[in-house]
Amino acid sequence: MKKTFELEIVLLQLAEDNPAAIEELFNYYYHRLYHFSKSFLKLDEGIDDVLQEVFIKIWQNRKNIRTTHTFNAFIFTITRNLLLNELRSRLNDQKVKDKIGKLAIPIEYSFIEQSEYYDLKEKVDRAIDELPVRQKEIFSLSRINGYSHKEIAEKLNITTKAVEFHIAKATVLLRKKLLNFELA
């Protein structure tokens, strides 16, 4: 006869450092988290690593888990955050960028040569380089590295409003510069 899963009991065992509890959580949640992750990443590659990290985080925070009511949201939030980190790291991989770039260009625009692309990229990079230092730093963290406004604020020890201000100013300046290149 199959044993029923009782989250409240498993979480109590987890708080008491029982390794069997994390195994029960893994067996119960793995398939649901796997399908959630696959819908997020669209590829099987890397999902097992992300899910392993999810359960490591659960184990590390086992003493702080107080209620069964929010545990489901808690485990899916951890998974989503780790998936976002995985997506960021994939987007920083040049091969993935190239693949996405090729898929993102409609077939009717495929006549644009690679050299034209690099020329355009060079102009945009030059425009970004001409930004004031602080704006360039914040703009790069946001648009190139994919950090959220909150993450940038924490990293640079400034307010999120300051981050928003700098990004808005940088965007205005970039539009002006790109208009000079007839790109905006």
C-alpha atoms as a PDB file:
ATOM      1  CA  MET A   1       0.000   0.000   0.000  1.00  0.00           C
ATOM      2  CA  LYS A   2       1.341   3.407  -0.974  1.00  0.00           C
ATOM      3  CA  LYS A   3       2.207   5.758   1.861  1.00  0.00           C
ATOM      4  CA  THR A   4       0.387   9.119   1.736  1.00  0.00           C
ATOM      5  CA  PHE A   5       2.404  12.291   1.773  1.00  0.00           C
ATOM      6  CA  GLU A   6       1.735  14.489   4.810  1.00  0.00           C
ATOM      7  CA  LEU A   7       3.557  17.783   4.383  1.00  0.00           C
ATOM      8  CA  GLU A   8       3.147  18.885   7.994  1.00  0.00           C
ATOM      9  CA  ILE A   9       4.842  15.751   9.327  1.00  0.00           C
ATOM     10  CA  VAL A  10       7.587  15.885   6.701  1.00  0.00           C
ATOM     11  CA  LEU A  11       8.355  19.538   7.537  1.00  0.00           C
ATOM     12  CA  LEU A  12       8.536  18.698  11.259  1.00  0.00           C
ATOM     13  CA  GLN A  13      10.973  15.892  10.468  1.00  0.00           C
ATOM     14  CA  LEU A  14      12.939  18.263   8.264  1.00  0.00           C
ATOM     15  CA  ALA A  15      13.230  20.798  11.094  1.00  0.00           C
ATOM     16  CA  GLU A  16      14.579  17.958  13.272  1.00  0.00           C
ATOM     17  CA  ASP A  17      17.391  17.379  10.732  1.00  0.00           C
ATOM     18  CA  ASN A  18      15.968  14.107   9.438  1.00  0.00           C
ATOM     19  CA  PRO A  19      17.535  13.463   5.988  1.00  0.00           C
ATOM     20  CA  ALA A  20      14.672  11.125   5.079  1.00  0.00           C
ATOM     21  CA  ALA A  21      12.369  14.161   5.102  1.00  0.00           C
ATOM     22  CA  ILE A  22      14.288  15.923   2.335  1.00  0.00           C
ATOM     23  CA  GLU A  23      14.148  12.706   0.334  1.00  0.00           C
ATOM     24  CA  GLU A  24      10.363  12.573   0.782  1.00  0.00           C
ATOM     25  CA  LEU A  25      10.063  16.194  -0.319  1.00  0.00           C
ATOM     26  CA  PHE A  26      12.248  15.435  -3.326  1.00  0.00           C
ATOM     27  CA  ASN A  27      10.147  12.424  -4.333  1.00  0.00           C
ATOM     28  CA  TYR A  28       6.903  14.355  -3.890  1.00  0.00           C
ATOM     29  CA  TYR A  29       7.886  17.626  -5.619  1.00  0.00           C
ATOM     30  CA  TYR A  30      10.467  16.556  -8.213  1.00  0.00           C
ATOM     31  CA  HIS A  31       8.117  15.850 -11.130  1.00  0.00           C
ATOM     32  CA  ARG A  32       6.022  18.970 -10.546  1.00  0.00           C
ATOM     33  CA  LEU A  33       9.125  21.153 -10.292  1.00  0.00           C
ATOM     34  CA  TYR A  34      10.665  19.462 -13.319  1.00  0.00           C
ATOM     35  CA  HIS A  35       7.655  20.250 -15.523  1.00  0.00           C
ATOM     36  CA  PHE A  36       7.489  23.791 -14.138  1.00  0.00           C
ATOM     37  CA  SER A  37      11.197  24.214 -14.918  1.00  0.00           C
ATOM     38  CA  LYS A  38      10.861  22.777 -18.412  1.00  0.00           C
ATOM     39  CA  SER A  39       8.054  25.205 -19.215  1.00  0.00           C
ATOM     40  CA  PHE A  40      10.358  27.979 -18.010  1.00  0.00           C
ATOM     41  CA  LEU A  41      13.647  26.955 -19.686  1.00  0.00           C
ATOM     42  CA  LYS A  42      12.193  25.079 -22.685  1.00  0.00           C
ATOM     43  CA  LEU A  43      15.201  22.718 -22.576  1.00  0.00           C
ATOM     44  CA  ASP A  44      15.950  19.673 -20.409  1.00  0.00           C
ATOM     45  CA  GLU A  45      19.586  20.696 -20.089  1.00  0.00           C
ATOM     46  CA  GLY A  46      20.395  22.164 -16.675  1.00  0.00           C
ATOM     47  CA  ILE A  47      17.063  21.411 -14.996  1.00  0.00           C
ATOM     48  CA  ASP A  48      18.449  18.662 -12.751  1.00  0.00           C
ATOM     49  CA  ASP A  49      21.192  21.021 -11.534  1.00  0.00           C
ATOM     50  CA  VAL A  50      18.619  23.706 -10.720  1.00  0.00           C
ATOM     51  CA  LEU A  51      16.379  21.241  -8.874  1.00  0.00           C
ATOM     52  CA  GLN A  52      19.308  19.893  -6.902  1.00  0.00           C
ATOM     53  CA  GLU A  53      20.070  23.462  -5.829  1.00  0.00           C
ATOM     54  CA  VAL A  54      16.396  23.932  -4.825  1.00  0.00           C
ATOM     55  CA  PHE A  55      16.554  21.029  -2.400  1.00  0.00           C
ATOM     56  CA  ILE A  56      19.927  22.158  -1.068  1.00  0.00           C
ATOM     57  CA  LYS A  57      18.348  25.546  -0.280  1.00  0.00           C
ATOM     58  CA  ILE A  58      15.384  23.820   1.388  1.00  0.00           C
ATOM     59  CA  TRP A  59      17.798  21.810   3.539  1.00  0.00           C
ATOM     60  CA  GLN A  60      19.824  24.914   4.413  1.00  0.00           C
ATOM     61  CA  ASN A  61      16.665  26.798   5.442  1.00  0.00           C
ATOM     62  CA  ARG A  62      14.930  23.876   7.146  1.00  0.00           C
ATOM     63  CA  LYS A  63      14.941  25.556  10.578  1.00  0.00           C
ATOM     64  CA  ASN A  64      13.132  28.628   9.203  1.00  0.00           C
ATOM     65  CA  ILE A  65      10.238  26.761   7.563  1.00  0.00           C
ATOM     66  CA  ARG A  66       7.337  27.340   9.933  1.00  0.00           C
ATOM     67  CA  THR A  67       4.103  26.638   8.109  1.00  0.00           C
ATOM     68  CA  THR A  68       2.740  24.186   5.601  1.00  0.00           C
ATOM     69  CA  HIS A  69       0.345  26.793   4.173  1.00  0.00           C
ATOM     70  CA  THR A  70       3.088  28.694   2.359  1.00  0.00           C
ATOM     71  CA  PHE A  71       5.539  25.881   1.660  1.00  0.00           C
ATOM     72  CA  ASN A  72       4.220  25.180  -1.833  1.00  0.00           C
ATOM     73  CA  ALA A  73       4.677  28.840  -2.804  1.00  0.00           C
ATOM     74  CA  PHE A  74       8.075  28.844  -1.064  1.00  0.00           C
ATOM     75  CA  ILE A  75       9.483  25.894  -3.034  1.00  0.00           C
ATOM     76  CA  PHE A  76       8.162  27.198  -6.360  1.00  0.00           C
ATOM     77  CA  THR A  77       9.546  30.681  -5.625  1.00  0.00           C
ATOM     78  CA  ILE A  78      12.992  29.228  -4.912  1.00  0.00           C
ATOM     79  CA  THR A  79      12.758  27.236  -8.146  1.00  0.00           C
ATOM     80  CA  ARG A  80      11.675  30.279 -10.171  1.00  0.00           C
ATOM     81  CA  ASN A  81      14.520  32.406  -8.780  1.00  0.00           C
ATOM     82  CA  LEU A  82      17.108  29.748  -9.556  1.00  0.00           C
ATOM     83  CA  LEU A  83      15.655  29.329 -13.052  1.00  0.00           C
ATOM     84  CA  LEU A  84      15.964  33.077 -13.621  1.00  0.00           C
ATOM     85  CA  ASN A  85      19.619  32.862 -12.560  1.00  0.00           C
ATOM     86  CA  GLU A  86      20.099  29.970 -14.992  1.00  0.00           C
ATOM     87  CA  LEU A  87      18.497  31.983 -17.800  1.00  0.00           C
ATOM     88  CA  ARG A  88      20.751  34.953 -17.036  1.00  0.00           C
ATOM     89  CA  SER A  89      23.841  32.773 -17.173  1.00  0.00           C
ATOM     90  CA  ARG A  90      22.652  31.222 -20.433  1.00  0.00           C
ATOM     91  CA  LEU A  91      22.072  34.636 -21.954  1.00  0.00           C
ATOM     92  CA  ASN A  92      25.609  35.638 -20.988  1.00  0.00           C
ATOM     93  CA  ASP A  93      26.880  32.654 -22.981  1.00  0.00           C
ATOM     94  CA  GLN A  94      27.829  33.982 -26.441  1.00  0.00           C
ATOM     95  CA  LYS A  95      26.799  30.780 -28.251  1.00  0.00           C
ATOM     96  CA  VAL A  96      23.311  31.007 -26.759  1.00  0.00           C
ATOM     97  CA  LYS A  97      23.124  34.718 -27.666  1.00  0.00           C
ATOM     98  CA  ASP A  98      24.050  33.913 -31.253  1.00  0.00           C
ATOM     99  CA  LYS A  99      21.474  31.117 -31.434  1.00  0.00           C
ATOM    100  CA  ILE A 100      18.725  33.325 -29.984  1.00  0.00           C
ATOM    101  CA  GLY A 101      19.749  36.168 -32.285  1.00  0.00           C
ATOM    102  CA  LYS A 102      19.401  33.954 -35.363  1.00  0.00           C
ATOM    103  CA  LEU A 103      16.006  32.684 -34.203  1.00  0.00           C
ATOM    104  CA  ALA A 104      14.751  36.189 -33.382  1.00  0.00           C
ATOM    105  CA  ILE A 105      15.365  37.659 -36.851  1.00  0.00           C
ATOM    106  CA  PRO A 106      12.422  37.200 -39.234  1.00  0.00           C
ATOM    107  CA  ILE A 107      13.332  35.402 -42.447  1.00  0.00           C
ATOM    108  CA  GLU A 108      12.570  38.479 -44.582  1.00  0.00           C
ATOM    109  CA  TYR A 109      15.328  40.404 -42.788  1.00  0.00           C
ATOM    110  CA  SER A 110      17.928  37.668 -43.040  1.00  0.00           C
ATOM    111  CA  PHE A 111      19.664  39.500 -45.910  1.00  0.00           C
ATOM    112  CA  ILE A 112      21.397  41.774 -43.386  1.00  0.00           C
ATOM    113  CA  GLU A 113      25.011  40.731 -43.441  1.00  0.00           C
ATOM    114  CA  GLN A 114      26.959  39.847 -40.331  1.00  0.00           C
ATOM    115  CA  SER A 115      29.246  42.841 -40.915  1.00  0.00           C
ATOM    116  CA  GLU A 116      26.245  45.187 -40.825  1.00  0.00           C
ATOM    117  CA  TYR A 117      25.218  43.647 -37.529  1.00  0.00           C
ATOM    118  CA  TYR A 118      28.682  44.185 -36.043  1.00  0.00           C
ATOM    119  CA  ASP A 119      28.751  47.753 -37.379  1.00  0.00           C
ATOM    120  CA  LEU A 120      25.426  48.443 -35.696  1.00  0.00           C
ATOM    121  CA  LYS A 121      26.575  46.766 -32.483  1.00  0.00           C
ATOM    122  CA  GLU A 122      29.754  48.850 -32.516  1.00  0.00           C
ATOM    123  CA  LYS A 123      27.728  52.073 -32.802  1.00  0.00           C
ATOM    124  CA  VAL A 124      25.456  51.066 -29.941  1.00  0.00           C
ATOM    125  CA  ASP A 125      28.452  50.043 -27.798  1.00  0.00           C
ATOM    126  CA  ARG A 126      30.140  53.357 -28.579  1.00  0.00           C
ATOM    127  CA  ALA A 127      26.988  55.245 -27.564  1.00  0.00           C
ATOM    128  CA  ILE A 128      26.876  53.310 -24.283  1.00  0.00           C
ATOM    129  CA  ASP A 129      30.585  54.012 -23.678  1.00  0.00           C
ATOM    130  CA  GLU A 130      29.939  57.745 -24.046  1.00  0.00           C
ATOM    131  CA  LEU A 131      27.419  57.756 -21.186  1.00  0.00           C
ATOM    132  CA  PRO A 132      28.472  59.327 -17.872  1.00  0.00           C
ATOM    133  CA  VAL A 133      30.270  56.753 -15.718  1.00  0.00           C
ATOM    134  CA  ARG A 134      27.473  56.131 -13.188  1.00  0.00           C
ATOM    135  CA  GLN A 135      24.770  55.948 -15.868  1.00  0.00           C
ATOM    136  CA  LYS A 136      26.882  53.579 -17.934  1.00  0.00           C
ATOM    137  CA  GLU A 137      27.464  51.335 -14.918  1.00  0.00           C
ATOM    138  CA  ILE A 138      23.789  51.207 -13.948  1.00  0.00           C
ATOM    139  CA  PHE A 139      22.575  50.867 -17.546  1.00  0.00           C
ATOM    140  CA  SER A 140      25.013  47.998 -18.173  1.00  0.00           C
ATOM    141  CA  LEU A 141      24.001  46.187 -14.984  1.00  0.00           C
ATOM    142  CA  SER A 142      20.345  46.493 -16.000  1.00  0.00           C
ATOM    143  CA  ARG A 143      20.277  45.997 -19.745  1.00  0.00           C
ATOM    144  CA  ILE A 144      23.401  43.934 -20.403  1.00  0.00           C
ATOM    145  CA  ASN A 145      23.753  41.856 -17.216  1.00  0.00           C
ATOM    146  CA  GLY A 146      20.011  41.541 -16.569  1.00  0.00           C
ATOM    147  CA  TYR A 147      19.984  42.737 -12.965  1.00  0.00           C
ATOM    148  CA  SER A 148      16.714  44.015 -11.518  1.00  0.00           C
ATOM    149  CA  HIS A 149      16.473  47.580 -10.210  1.00  0.00           C
ATOM    150  CA  LYS A 150      16.425  46.219  -6.655  1.00  0.00           C
ATOM    151  CA  GLU A 151      19.549  44.106  -7.234  1.00  0.00           C
ATOM    152  CA  ILE A 152      21.399  47.105  -8.700  1.00  0.00           C
ATOM    153  CA  ALA A 153      20.340  49.306  -5.787  1.00  0.00           C
ATOM    154  CA  GLU A 154      21.624  46.740  -3.287  1.00  0.00           C
ATOM    155  CA  LYS A 155      24.857  46.179  -5.209  1.00  0.00           C
ATOM    156  CA  LEU A 156      25.650  49.903  -5.508  1.00  0.00           C
ATOM    157  CA  ASN A 157      24.135  50.898  -2.152  1.00  0.00           C
ATOM    158  CA  ILE A 158      21.677  53.381  -3.677  1.00  0.00           C
ATOM    159  CA  THR A 159      17.879  53.597  -3.813  1.00  0.00           C
ATOM    160  CA  THR A 160      15.789  51.946  -6.504  1.00  0.00           C
ATOM    161  CA  LYS A 161      14.513  55.418  -7.424  1.00  0.00           C
ATOM    162  CA  ALA A 162      18.125  56.460  -8.137  1.00  0.00           C
ATOM    163  CA  VAL A 163      18.537  53.376 -10.333  1.00  0.00           C
ATOM    164  CA  GLU A 164      15.339  54.228 -12.236  1.00  0.00           C
ATOM    165  CA  PHE A 165      16.496  57.849 -12.628  1.00  0.00           C
ATOM    166  CA  HIS A 166      19.895  56.843 -14.054  1.00  0.00           C
ATOM    167  CA  ILE A 167      18.381  54.302 -16.454  1.00  0.00           C
ATOM    168  CA  ALA A 168      15.835  56.847 -17.687  1.00  0.00           C
ATOM    169  CA  LYS A 169      18.567  59.466 -18.226  1.00  0.00           C
ATOM    170  CA  ALA A 170      20.793  56.914 -19.981  1.00  0.00           C
ATOM    171  CA  THR A 171      17.920  55.867 -22.246  1.00  0.00           C
ATOM    172  CA  VAL A 172      17.233  59.472 -23.251  1.00  0.00           C
ATOM    173  CA  LEU A 173      20.920  60.077 -23.993  1.00  0.00           C
ATOM    174  CA  LEU A 174      21.219  56.843 -25.980  1.00  0.00           C
ATOM    175  CA  ARG A 175      18.175  57.695 -28.084  1.00  0.00           C
ATOM    176  CA  LYS A 176      19.690  61.075 -28.941  1.00  0.00           C
ATOM    177  CA  LYS A 177      23.024  59.511 -29.885  1.00  0.00           C
ATOM    178  CA  LEU A 178      21.410  56.740 -31.899  1.00  0.00           C
ATOM    179  CA  LEU A 179      19.289  59.300 -33.756  1.00  0.00           C
ATOM    180  CA  ASN A 180      22.564  60.836 -34.906  1.00  0.00           C
ATOM    181  CA  PHE A 181      23.472  57.403 -36.296  1.00  0.00           C
ATOM    182  CA  GLU A 182      19.922  57.155 -37.733  1.00  0.00           C
ATOM    183  CA  LEU A 183      19.300  54.047 -35.666  1.00  0.00           C
ATOM    184  CA  ALA A 184      16.581  55.050 -33.212  1.00  0.00           C
END
